[in-house]
């Protein structure tokens, strides 16, 4: 796939920003067993302190509890990756059709995904050299722009409050449960 130019990326922004704000859908679940390896699965167990079971997050030298699980907007990755088979290259675990923007989901907000309750982390999730190599330098600039960061186009980090099972097709919805629960 040829990387998109900034004009094409900007044209897709309206569609991305039109993602549901209250409740969306889990479109893809990905485990990363080792560096640069991806497994697309229909369902996964997510555990507090462990993240997505079978993912390499727990084996990192200093796994951050603020980044047990990463989520990315499915509309954004579809624009950047094109073919759905390329979505996992972004390196996230949950791809959701939901507005992940800071205004909609400030740090401390909670999300229900299947049986799982996640809390949005303040830890930023930004694009890197691998992201640029996979999707292009313009894509990296696009997701890391001020507007891209506000919309969390690169995705967001979350910690696990309550573990359980997630399945493709699950509703992803904002939770009224307070962060102190």
Protein backbone atom coordinates (compact mmCIF):
# COMPACT_ATOMS: atom_id res chain seq x y z
CA UNK A 1 0.00 0.00 0.00
CA UNK A 2 1.19 3.49 -0.80
CA UNK A 3 1.22 5.82 2.20
CA UNK A 4 -1.41 8.54 2.10
CA UNK A 5 -0.53 12.20 1.72
CA UNK A 6 -1.64 14.85 4.19
CA UNK A 7 -4.54 15.98 1.95
CA UNK A 8 -5.97 12.44 1.85
CA UNK A 9 -5.52 12.08 5.60
CA UNK A 10 -7.26 15.40 6.28
CA UNK A 11 -10.14 14.35 4.01
CA UNK A 12 -10.65 11.26 6.20
CA UNK A 13 -10.66 13.23 9.44
CA UNK A 14 -14.37 14.12 9.30
CA UNK A 15 -15.28 10.42 9.11
CA UNK A 16 -12.99 9.61 12.06
CA UNK A 17 -14.38 12.48 14.15
CA UNK A 18 -17.90 11.17 13.44
CA UNK A 19 -17.27 8.08 15.58
CA UNK A 20 -19.92 7.36 18.22
CA UNK A 21 -19.35 9.27 21.46
CA UNK A 22 -21.26 7.16 24.00
CA UNK A 23 -21.23 3.62 22.70
CA UNK A 24 -19.49 1.96 19.79
CA UNK A 25 -18.31 -1.47 18.73
CA UNK A 26 -15.19 -3.55 19.23
CA UNK A 27 -14.02 -4.19 15.66
CA UNK A 28 -10.78 -6.15 16.18
CA UNK A 29 -8.76 -7.75 18.97
CA UNK A 30 -5.02 -8.29 18.54
CA UNK A 31 -2.43 -10.00 20.72
CA UNK A 32 1.28 -9.31 20.33
CA UNK A 33 3.01 -12.49 21.57
CA UNK A 34 6.50 -11.25 20.63
CA UNK A 35 8.09 -8.19 19.05
CA UNK A 36 6.56 -7.57 15.60
CA UNK A 37 4.28 -10.64 15.83
CA UNK A 38 0.49 -10.21 15.74
CA UNK A 39 -2.42 -12.59 16.38
CA UNK A 40 -5.90 -11.44 15.41
CA UNK A 41 -8.38 -13.21 17.69
CA UNK A 42 -12.17 -13.25 18.00
CA UNK A 43 -11.99 -13.01 21.78
CA UNK A 44 -9.43 -12.45 24.51
CA UNK A 45 -9.15 -12.52 28.26
CA UNK A 46 -7.98 -9.27 29.83
CA UNK A 47 -6.71 -9.31 33.41
CA UNK A 48 -5.72 -6.59 35.84
CA UNK A 49 -1.95 -6.51 36.20
CA UNK A 50 -1.54 -8.69 33.12
CA UNK A 51 -3.34 -6.89 30.29
CA UNK A 52 -4.41 -8.98 27.31
CA UNK A 53 -3.55 -12.59 28.15
CA UNK A 54 -1.04 -13.86 25.59
CA UNK A 55 0.27 -10.36 24.81
CA UNK A 56 3.91 -9.47 25.43
CA UNK A 57 3.03 -6.39 27.55
CA UNK A 58 3.57 -8.28 30.81
CA UNK A 59 7.02 -9.49 29.68
CA UNK A 60 8.38 -5.97 29.08
CA UNK A 61 11.21 -4.98 31.41
CA UNK A 62 9.04 -2.39 33.18
CA UNK A 63 5.41 -2.83 32.09
CA UNK A 64 3.49 0.35 32.82
CA UNK A 65 0.25 -0.19 34.73
CA UNK A 66 -1.02 2.89 32.89
CA UNK A 67 -0.67 1.09 29.56
CA UNK A 68 -1.97 -2.44 30.20
CA UNK A 69 -4.20 -2.16 27.13
CA UNK A 70 -4.08 0.15 24.11
CA UNK A 71 -7.09 1.14 22.07
CA UNK A 72 -7.19 2.73 18.63
CA UNK A 73 -10.07 4.21 16.68
CA UNK A 74 -11.05 1.71 13.98
CA UNK A 75 -11.94 4.46 11.50
CA UNK A 76 -8.50 5.99 11.89
CA UNK A 77 -6.60 2.73 11.44
CA UNK A 78 -8.80 1.91 8.44
CA UNK A 79 -7.77 5.20 6.83
CA UNK A 80 -4.08 4.74 7.61
CA UNK A 81 -3.79 1.02 6.88
CA UNK A 82 -6.28 0.58 4.09
CA UNK A 83 -6.76 -3.18 4.07
CA UNK A 84 -8.08 -4.62 7.36
CA UNK A 85 -5.23 -7.16 7.28
CA UNK A 86 -2.84 -4.24 7.92
CA UNK A 87 -4.65 -2.91 11.01
CA UNK A 88 -2.60 -5.03 13.46
CA UNK A 89 0.58 -3.30 12.26
CA UNK A 90 -0.43 -0.30 14.37
CA UNK A 91 0.47 -2.40 17.42
CA UNK A 92 -2.66 -1.85 19.50
CA UNK A 93 -4.84 -4.52 21.07
CA UNK A 94 -8.39 -3.19 20.82
CA UNK A 95 -9.68 -1.43 17.70
CA UNK A 96 -12.95 0.33 18.45
CA UNK A 97 -15.49 2.45 16.63
CA UNK A 98 -15.69 5.06 19.38
CA UNK A 99 -14.59 8.67 19.83
CA UNK A 100 -11.38 8.31 21.85
CA UNK A 101 -10.74 12.06 21.95
CA UNK A 102 -9.57 13.71 25.16
CA UNK A 103 -12.71 15.84 25.32
CA UNK A 104 -14.95 12.76 25.14
CA UNK A 105 -12.79 10.50 27.33
CA UNK A 106 -10.57 12.53 29.66
CA UNK A 107 -8.08 10.62 31.83
CA UNK A 108 -9.94 8.72 34.54
CA UNK A 109 -12.95 8.00 32.30
CA UNK A 110 -14.06 4.42 32.31
CA UNK A 111 -15.10 2.15 29.46
CA UNK A 112 -16.97 -1.15 29.45
CA UNK A 113 -15.84 -3.57 26.74
CA UNK A 114 -17.54 -6.92 27.06
CA UNK A 115 -16.98 -8.05 30.68
CA UNK A 116 -13.99 -5.71 31.07
CA UNK A 117 -13.85 -2.30 32.74
CA UNK A 118 -10.98 -0.08 31.61
CA UNK A 119 -9.84 3.31 32.89
CA UNK A 120 -8.38 5.84 30.46
CA UNK A 121 -4.80 6.70 31.36
CA UNK A 122 -3.17 10.11 31.25
CA UNK A 123 -0.09 8.44 29.72
CA UNK A 124 0.08 9.60 26.08
CA UNK A 125 0.17 7.08 23.25
CA UNK A 126 2.11 8.54 20.33
CA UNK A 127 3.40 7.32 17.01
CA UNK A 128 7.03 6.24 16.65
CA UNK A 129 9.53 5.29 13.95
CA UNK A 130 7.88 1.87 13.48
CA UNK A 131 4.50 3.56 13.00
CA UNK A 132 6.06 5.89 10.40
CA UNK A 133 7.71 2.97 8.59
CA UNK A 134 4.41 1.07 8.43
CA UNK A 135 2.03 3.91 7.55
CA UNK A 136 4.23 6.76 6.28
CA UNK A 137 5.79 9.94 7.63
CA UNK A 138 2.66 11.95 6.82
CA UNK A 139 0.56 9.53 8.88
CA UNK A 140 2.92 10.00 11.83
CA UNK A 141 2.67 13.79 11.53
CA UNK A 142 -1.11 13.50 11.20
CA UNK A 143 -1.63 11.46 14.39
CA UNK A 144 0.93 13.48 16.37
CA UNK A 145 -0.40 16.90 15.30
CA UNK A 146 -2.18 19.01 17.94
CA UNK A 147 -5.54 18.02 16.45
CA UNK A 148 -4.46 14.38 16.17
CA UNK A 149 -3.35 14.27 19.82
CA UNK A 150 -6.61 15.90 20.97
CA UNK A 151 -8.59 13.28 19.03
CA UNK A 152 -6.15 10.54 20.14
CA UNK A 153 -5.79 9.41 16.54
CA UNK A 154 -2.79 7.28 17.50
CA UNK A 155 -4.89 5.69 20.20
CA UNK A 156 -4.89 5.69 23.97
CA UNK A 157 -3.58 3.78 26.92
CA UNK A 158 -5.79 2.27 29.57
CA UNK A 159 -5.43 0.33 32.77
CA UNK A 160 -7.59 -2.65 33.68
CA UNK A 161 -10.01 -2.02 36.55
CA UNK A 162 -11.94 -5.29 36.18
CA UNK A 163 -10.87 -8.13 33.96
CA UNK A 164 -12.92 -10.49 31.86
CA UNK A 165 -13.54 -11.50 28.26
CA UNK A 166 -13.85 -9.21 25.24
CA UNK A 167 -15.20 -10.36 21.89
CA UNK A 168 -15.26 -8.78 18.46
CA UNK A 169 -18.69 -7.19 18.12
CA UNK A 170 -18.97 -6.25 21.82
CA UNK A 171 -20.43 -2.86 22.61
CA UNK A 172 -17.86 -0.38 23.90
CA UNK A 173 -19.53 2.18 26.13
CA UNK A 174 -18.65 4.90 28.54
CA UNK A 175 -19.18 3.85 32.12
CA UNK A 176 -20.91 5.93 34.77
CA UNK A 177 -18.76 4.16 37.41
CA UNK A 178 -16.57 6.76 39.12
CA UNK A 179 -12.80 6.39 39.07
CA UNK A 180 -12.82 5.81 42.86
CA UNK A 181 -14.94 2.64 42.51
